[in-house]
Amino acid sequence: MAQTVSDHIIQRLYSWGVRTIYGYPGDGINGLMGALGRADGRIRFIQALRSDRPVVVECHTDPEVPPLPPHVTFKQAKNFMSSIMHRDPNRWRMVAQSAKQIWAGMVAK
């Protein structure tokens, strides 16, 4: 298998002495998570919010991706989408991004 960019990043971090990465897994770093899995445990990943020590969490977000929690009820999602449809100029992009999130959640289960 050819080395991916993510594999190269993990290899470089390991060569710099990094043995633990604290983070928050999600779609944006799926490639890195895969590379960590292929790294045979040389670097461990700990979810930042489950750490036993202070960590810095830096988040880059798309302002058009609605912040739907993972266990949102249908009624909550419906009300949220209703409010977006009446007030947000970028509503169609938000609807599309929401649909992608919901689909990804259903496929992952």
Protein backbone atom coordinates (compact mmCIF):
# COMPACT_ATOMS: atom_id res chain seq x y z
CA MET A 1 0.00 0.00 0.00
CA ALA A 2 1.31 3.45 -0.89
CA GLN A 3 1.98 5.84 1.95
CA THR A 4 -0.70 8.50 2.35
CA VAL A 5 -0.16 12.09 3.47
CA SER A 6 -1.70 11.12 6.82
CA ASP A 7 0.78 8.24 7.19
CA HIS A 8 3.62 10.67 6.50
CA ILE A 9 2.31 13.12 9.13
CA ILE A 10 2.08 10.37 11.76
CA GLN A 11 5.57 9.12 10.85
CA ARG A 12 6.97 12.66 11.17
CA LEU A 13 5.26 13.22 14.53
CA TYR A 14 6.73 9.95 15.79
CA SER A 15 10.22 10.96 14.61
CA TRP A 16 9.81 14.20 16.58
CA GLY A 17 9.11 12.21 19.75
CA VAL A 18 5.34 12.55 19.85
CA ARG A 19 3.88 9.49 21.57
CA THR A 20 0.40 10.73 22.51
CA ILE A 21 -2.06 12.88 20.59
CA TYR A 22 -4.99 14.47 22.36
CA GLY A 23 -7.81 15.39 20.06
CA TYR A 24 -11.42 15.14 19.12
CA PRO A 25 -12.17 12.64 16.34
CA GLY A 26 -14.43 13.64 13.50
CA ASP A 27 -14.78 13.75 9.74
CA GLY A 28 -11.98 16.27 9.31
CA ILE A 29 -9.33 13.93 10.70
CA ASN A 30 -10.54 10.53 9.53
CA GLY A 31 -7.39 10.16 7.42
CA LEU A 32 -5.18 10.78 10.45
CA MET A 33 -7.22 8.36 12.55
CA GLY A 34 -6.70 5.69 9.88
CA ALA A 35 -2.97 6.40 9.82
CA LEU A 36 -2.82 6.12 13.62
CA GLY A 37 -4.48 2.72 13.31
CA ARG A 38 -1.84 1.62 10.80
CA ALA A 39 0.99 2.92 13.03
CA ASP A 40 0.92 -0.22 15.20
CA GLY A 41 0.35 1.67 18.45
CA ARG A 42 3.51 3.79 18.22
CA ILE A 43 1.39 6.88 18.89
CA ARG A 44 -1.73 6.66 21.00
CA PHE A 45 -4.79 8.84 20.56
CA ILE A 46 -6.76 10.08 23.56
CA GLN A 47 -10.00 11.95 23.13
CA ALA A 48 -9.39 15.43 24.53
CA LEU A 49 -12.63 15.54 26.44
CA ARG A 50 -11.78 12.29 28.24
CA SER A 51 -8.29 13.32 29.27
CA ASP A 52 -7.11 13.30 32.87
CA ARG A 53 -5.18 16.54 32.27
CA PRO A 54 -5.83 19.95 30.74
CA VAL A 55 -5.74 20.03 26.96
CA VAL A 56 -6.14 22.71 24.32
CA VAL A 57 -8.83 22.04 21.76
CA GLU A 58 -8.58 24.08 18.58
CA CYS A 59 -11.58 23.82 16.30
CA HIS A 60 -11.97 24.99 12.75
CA THR A 61 -15.60 24.99 11.79
CA ASP A 62 -17.68 25.76 8.76
CA PRO A 63 -20.18 28.50 9.67
CA GLU A 64 -22.70 26.85 7.37
CA VAL A 65 -22.62 23.50 9.15
CA PRO A 66 -25.30 23.55 11.82
CA PRO A 67 -24.20 22.45 15.28
CA LEU A 68 -26.50 19.47 15.67
CA PRO A 69 -25.62 17.31 18.68
CA PRO A 70 -25.15 13.59 18.02
CA HIS A 71 -28.30 12.54 19.90
CA VAL A 72 -30.66 15.21 18.60
CA THR A 73 -34.33 14.27 18.56
CA PHE A 74 -36.39 14.52 15.41
CA LYS A 75 -38.47 17.31 16.94
CA GLN A 76 -35.34 19.32 17.86
CA ALA A 77 -33.89 18.89 14.36
CA LYS A 78 -37.21 19.86 12.79
CA ASN A 79 -37.48 23.02 14.91
CA PHE A 80 -33.86 23.93 14.22
CA MET A 81 -34.31 23.52 10.47
CA SER A 82 -37.54 25.53 10.60
CA SER A 83 -35.71 28.45 12.22
CA ILE A 84 -32.92 28.27 9.64
CA MET A 85 -35.33 28.23 6.71
CA HIS A 86 -36.86 31.54 7.76
CA ARG A 87 -33.80 33.52 8.81
CA ASP A 88 -30.52 32.37 7.29
CA PRO A 89 -29.37 33.53 3.83
CA ASN A 90 -27.21 30.39 3.41
CA ARG A 91 -29.98 28.03 4.43
CA TRP A 92 -29.74 25.64 1.46
CA ARG A 93 -26.07 24.92 2.11
CA MET A 94 -26.88 24.35 5.78
CA VAL A 95 -29.68 21.95 4.86
CA ALA A 96 -27.32 20.03 2.56
CA GLN A 97 -24.61 19.84 5.23
CA SER A 98 -27.16 18.71 7.83
CA ALA A 99 -28.37 15.96 5.51
CA LYS A 100 -24.77 14.78 5.07
CA GLN A 101 -24.27 14.67 8.85
CA ILE A 102 -27.50 12.74 9.39
CA TRP A 103 -26.66 10.30 6.58
CA ALA A 104 -23.13 9.76 7.92
CA GLY A 105 -24.57 9.05 11.36
CA MET A 106 -27.03 6.51 9.98
CA VAL A 107 -24.40 4.75 7.86
CA ALA A 108 -21.92 4.55 10.76
CA LYS A 109 -24.40 2.66 12.94
